[in-house]
N, C-alpha and C. Protein backbone atom coordinates (compact mmCIF):
# COMPACT_ATOMS: atom_id res chain seq x y z
N UNK A 1 8.20 14.20 1.57
CA UNK A 1 8.03 12.80 1.92
C UNK A 1 6.98 12.19 0.99
N UNK A 2 7.27 11.04 0.49
CA UNK A 2 6.37 10.34 -0.41
C UNK A 2 5.31 9.58 0.38
N UNK A 3 4.08 9.60 -0.15
CA UNK A 3 2.99 8.84 0.45
C UNK A 3 2.89 7.48 -0.24
N UNK A 4 2.82 6.44 0.56
CA UNK A 4 2.55 5.09 0.07
C UNK A 4 1.14 4.77 0.53
N UNK A 5 0.26 4.51 -0.42
CA UNK A 5 -1.15 4.27 -0.12
C UNK A 5 -1.43 2.78 -0.13
N UNK A 6 -2.10 2.33 0.92
CA UNK A 6 -2.50 0.93 1.03
C UNK A 6 -4.02 0.86 1.01
N UNK A 7 -4.56 0.18 0.02
CA UNK A 7 -5.99 -0.09 -0.04
C UNK A 7 -6.21 -1.46 0.58
N UNK A 8 -7.07 -1.50 1.60
CA UNK A 8 -7.34 -2.75 2.30
C UNK A 8 -8.74 -2.74 2.88
N UNK A 9 -8.93 -3.59 3.87
CA UNK A 9 -10.24 -3.61 4.55
C UNK A 9 -10.05 -4.15 5.96
N UNK A 10 -11.02 -3.82 6.80
CA UNK A 10 -11.04 -4.29 8.18
C UNK A 10 -11.06 -5.81 8.21
N UNK A 11 -10.30 -6.40 9.13
CA UNK A 11 -10.31 -7.83 9.33
C UNK A 11 -9.52 -8.63 8.31
N UNK A 12 -8.78 -7.96 7.45
CA UNK A 12 -8.00 -8.64 6.42
C UNK A 12 -6.60 -8.93 6.97
N UNK A 13 -6.27 -10.21 7.18
CA UNK A 13 -4.97 -10.53 7.76
C UNK A 13 -3.83 -10.21 6.80
N UNK A 14 -4.05 -10.34 5.50
CA UNK A 14 -3.01 -9.96 4.54
C UNK A 14 -2.73 -8.46 4.62
N UNK A 15 -3.79 -7.67 4.80
CA UNK A 15 -3.64 -6.22 4.92
C UNK A 15 -2.84 -5.86 6.17
N UNK A 16 -3.17 -6.50 7.27
CA UNK A 16 -2.46 -6.23 8.53
C UNK A 16 -0.98 -6.60 8.42
N UNK A 17 -0.69 -7.74 7.82
CA UNK A 17 0.70 -8.17 7.66
C UNK A 17 1.47 -7.21 6.77
N UNK A 18 0.86 -6.81 5.66
CA UNK A 18 1.52 -5.91 4.74
C UNK A 18 1.79 -4.56 5.41
N UNK A 19 0.82 -4.04 6.15
CA UNK A 19 1.00 -2.76 6.82
C UNK A 19 2.13 -2.83 7.85
N UNK A 20 2.24 -3.92 8.57
CA UNK A 20 3.33 -4.08 9.54
C UNK A 20 4.68 -4.08 8.84
N UNK A 21 4.76 -4.77 7.70
CA UNK A 21 6.00 -4.78 6.93
C UNK A 21 6.33 -3.38 6.40
N UNK A 22 5.31 -2.67 5.94
CA UNK A 22 5.51 -1.30 5.45
C UNK A 22 6.03 -0.38 6.55
N UNK A 23 5.48 -0.52 7.74
CA UNK A 23 5.91 0.35 8.84
C UNK A 23 7.39 0.16 9.14
N UNK A 24 7.89 -1.05 9.05
CA UNK A 24 9.32 -1.30 9.26
C UNK A 24 10.16 -0.60 8.19
N UNK A 25 9.69 -0.65 6.95
CA UNK A 25 10.42 -0.02 5.85
C UNK A 25 10.32 1.51 5.87
N UNK A 26 9.21 2.03 6.35
CA UNK A 26 8.98 3.48 6.33
C UNK A 26 10.06 4.22 7.10
N UNK A 27 10.47 3.68 8.25
CA UNK A 27 11.50 4.33 9.04
C UNK A 27 12.84 4.37 8.33
N UNK A 28 13.13 3.32 7.60
CA UNK A 28 14.41 3.23 6.88
C UNK A 28 14.44 4.06 5.61
N UNK A 29 13.30 4.19 4.95
CA UNK A 29 13.27 4.80 3.62
C UNK A 29 12.49 6.11 3.55
N UNK A 30 12.00 6.58 4.67
CA UNK A 30 11.39 7.90 4.75
C UNK A 30 10.15 8.13 3.90
N UNK A 31 9.17 7.29 4.06
CA UNK A 31 7.88 7.52 3.40
C UNK A 31 6.77 7.43 4.44
N UNK A 32 5.64 8.02 4.10
CA UNK A 32 4.48 7.93 4.99
C UNK A 32 3.49 6.92 4.42
N UNK A 33 2.70 6.35 5.30
CA UNK A 33 1.72 5.33 4.92
C UNK A 33 0.32 5.89 5.11
N UNK A 34 -0.47 5.81 4.07
CA UNK A 34 -1.88 6.20 4.14
C UNK A 34 -2.69 4.94 3.89
N UNK A 35 -3.57 4.60 4.81
CA UNK A 35 -4.40 3.40 4.70
C UNK A 35 -5.81 3.80 4.31
N UNK A 36 -6.34 3.15 3.31
CA UNK A 36 -7.70 3.42 2.84
C UNK A 36 -8.50 2.12 2.84
N UNK A 37 -9.63 2.16 3.54
CA UNK A 37 -10.53 1.01 3.61
C UNK A 37 -11.43 1.03 2.38
N UNK A 38 -11.29 0.05 1.51
CA UNK A 38 -12.05 0.03 0.25
C UNK A 38 -13.56 -0.02 0.48
N UNK A 39 -13.98 -0.47 1.64
CA UNK A 39 -15.41 -0.58 1.91
C UNK A 39 -16.03 0.75 2.33
N UNK A 40 -15.22 1.78 2.50
CA UNK A 40 -15.72 3.10 2.91
C UNK A 40 -15.94 4.06 1.74
N UNK A 41 -15.54 3.65 0.55
CA UNK A 41 -15.69 4.53 -0.61
C UNK A 41 -16.09 3.68 -1.82
N UNK A 42 -17.24 3.97 -2.42
CA UNK A 42 -17.71 3.16 -3.54
C UNK A 42 -16.72 3.11 -4.71
N UNK A 43 -16.00 4.19 -4.96
CA UNK A 43 -15.03 4.20 -6.06
C UNK A 43 -13.87 3.26 -5.76
N UNK A 44 -13.39 3.26 -4.52
CA UNK A 44 -12.31 2.35 -4.15
C UNK A 44 -12.78 0.91 -4.24
N UNK A 45 -14.00 0.67 -3.77
CA UNK A 45 -14.57 -0.68 -3.80
C UNK A 45 -14.71 -1.17 -5.24
N UNK A 46 -15.18 -0.29 -6.11
CA UNK A 46 -15.35 -0.65 -7.52
C UNK A 46 -13.99 -0.93 -8.17
N UNK A 47 -13.00 -0.16 -7.79
CA UNK A 47 -11.67 -0.30 -8.41
C UNK A 47 -10.94 -1.56 -7.93
N UNK A 48 -11.05 -1.85 -6.63
CA UNK A 48 -10.25 -2.94 -6.07
C UNK A 48 -11.04 -4.20 -5.73
N UNK A 49 -12.32 -4.06 -5.49
CA UNK A 49 -13.15 -5.23 -5.18
C UNK A 49 -12.56 -6.03 -4.03
N UNK A 50 -12.34 -7.31 -4.26
CA UNK A 50 -11.76 -8.19 -3.23
C UNK A 50 -10.25 -8.30 -3.37
N UNK A 51 -9.68 -7.57 -4.29
CA UNK A 51 -8.24 -7.62 -4.54
C UNK A 51 -7.51 -6.64 -3.59
N UNK A 52 -7.32 -7.07 -2.36
CA UNK A 52 -6.63 -6.27 -1.36
C UNK A 52 -5.68 -7.16 -0.58
N UNK A 53 -4.63 -6.62 -0.03
CA UNK A 53 -4.22 -5.22 -0.10
C UNK A 53 -3.54 -4.88 -1.42
N UNK A 54 -3.61 -3.60 -1.74
CA UNK A 54 -2.95 -3.04 -2.92
C UNK A 54 -2.12 -1.87 -2.44
N UNK A 55 -0.87 -1.80 -2.89
CA UNK A 55 0.03 -0.70 -2.54
C UNK A 55 0.24 0.16 -3.78
N UNK A 56 0.04 1.48 -3.60
CA UNK A 56 0.24 2.42 -4.70
C UNK A 56 1.20 3.53 -4.30
N UNK A 57 1.95 4.00 -5.28
CA UNK A 57 2.78 5.19 -5.13
C UNK A 57 2.46 6.07 -6.33
N UNK A 58 2.01 7.29 -6.07
CA UNK A 58 1.65 8.23 -7.14
C UNK A 58 0.65 7.64 -8.13
N UNK A 59 -0.34 6.90 -7.61
CA UNK A 59 -1.38 6.33 -8.45
C UNK A 59 -0.98 5.08 -9.21
N UNK A 60 0.25 4.63 -9.04
CA UNK A 60 0.73 3.44 -9.72
C UNK A 60 0.75 2.26 -8.76
N UNK A 61 0.14 1.15 -9.16
CA UNK A 61 0.15 -0.05 -8.32
C UNK A 61 1.57 -0.61 -8.29
N UNK A 62 2.08 -0.79 -7.07
CA UNK A 62 3.43 -1.30 -6.87
C UNK A 62 3.39 -2.80 -6.55
N UNK A 63 2.41 -3.21 -5.75
CA UNK A 63 2.26 -4.63 -5.45
C UNK A 63 0.85 -4.89 -4.93
N UNK A 64 0.46 -6.16 -5.00
CA UNK A 64 -0.86 -6.60 -4.53
C UNK A 64 -0.69 -7.84 -3.67
N UNK A 65 -1.54 -7.96 -2.70
CA UNK A 65 -1.61 -9.10 -1.77
C UNK A 65 -0.43 -9.19 -0.80
N UNK A 66 0.79 -9.13 -1.31
CA UNK A 66 1.97 -9.22 -0.45
C UNK A 66 2.93 -8.09 -0.82
N UNK A 67 3.64 -7.59 0.16
CA UNK A 67 4.60 -6.53 -0.07
C UNK A 67 5.80 -7.07 -0.85
N UNK A 68 6.18 -6.35 -1.88
CA UNK A 68 7.40 -6.64 -2.63
C UNK A 68 8.37 -5.50 -2.31
N UNK A 69 9.18 -5.67 -1.25
CA UNK A 69 10.04 -4.57 -0.81
C UNK A 69 10.98 -4.04 -1.89
N UNK A 70 11.56 -4.91 -2.69
CA UNK A 70 12.50 -4.47 -3.72
C UNK A 70 11.81 -3.57 -4.75
N UNK A 71 10.63 -3.95 -5.17
CA UNK A 71 9.89 -3.15 -6.15
C UNK A 71 9.47 -1.82 -5.55
N UNK A 72 9.00 -1.84 -4.30
CA UNK A 72 8.60 -0.60 -3.65
C UNK A 72 9.78 0.34 -3.50
N UNK A 73 10.89 -0.15 -3.03
CA UNK A 73 12.07 0.70 -2.82
C UNK A 73 12.58 1.25 -4.16
N UNK A 74 12.57 0.42 -5.20
CA UNK A 74 12.99 0.90 -6.53
C UNK A 74 12.07 2.01 -7.01
N UNK A 75 10.78 1.85 -6.78
CA UNK A 75 9.81 2.88 -7.19
C UNK A 75 10.04 4.17 -6.42
N UNK A 76 10.27 4.07 -5.13
CA UNK A 76 10.51 5.25 -4.30
C UNK A 76 11.81 5.94 -4.73
N UNK A 77 12.83 5.18 -5.01
CA UNK A 77 14.12 5.76 -5.41
C UNK A 77 14.04 6.39 -6.79
N UNK A 78 13.16 5.92 -7.65
CA UNK A 78 13.02 6.51 -8.99
C UNK A 78 12.40 7.91 -8.92
N UNK A 79 11.76 8.22 -7.81
CA UNK A 79 11.17 9.54 -7.63
C UNK A 79 12.22 10.58 -7.29
N UNK A 80 13.36 10.14 -6.81
CA UNK A 80 14.42 11.08 -6.37
C UNK A 80 15.32 11.50 -7.50
């Protein structure tokens, strides 16, 4: 199962919306979601700053701020 990593922060409405959208897709496309709060790790904070949410697959940024389902699904399918 592929991990989809979401970098976000507490209280971020864009992060919450994106995670809800991801959860709907996860059941259909068989991936797991890992959420990382950028404020809990200095390296994550330095890398992303205020640019959240960010979705990554295998270290590659797939989308920022809003979920792009087509791009995410294409990226996941390219792994197969």
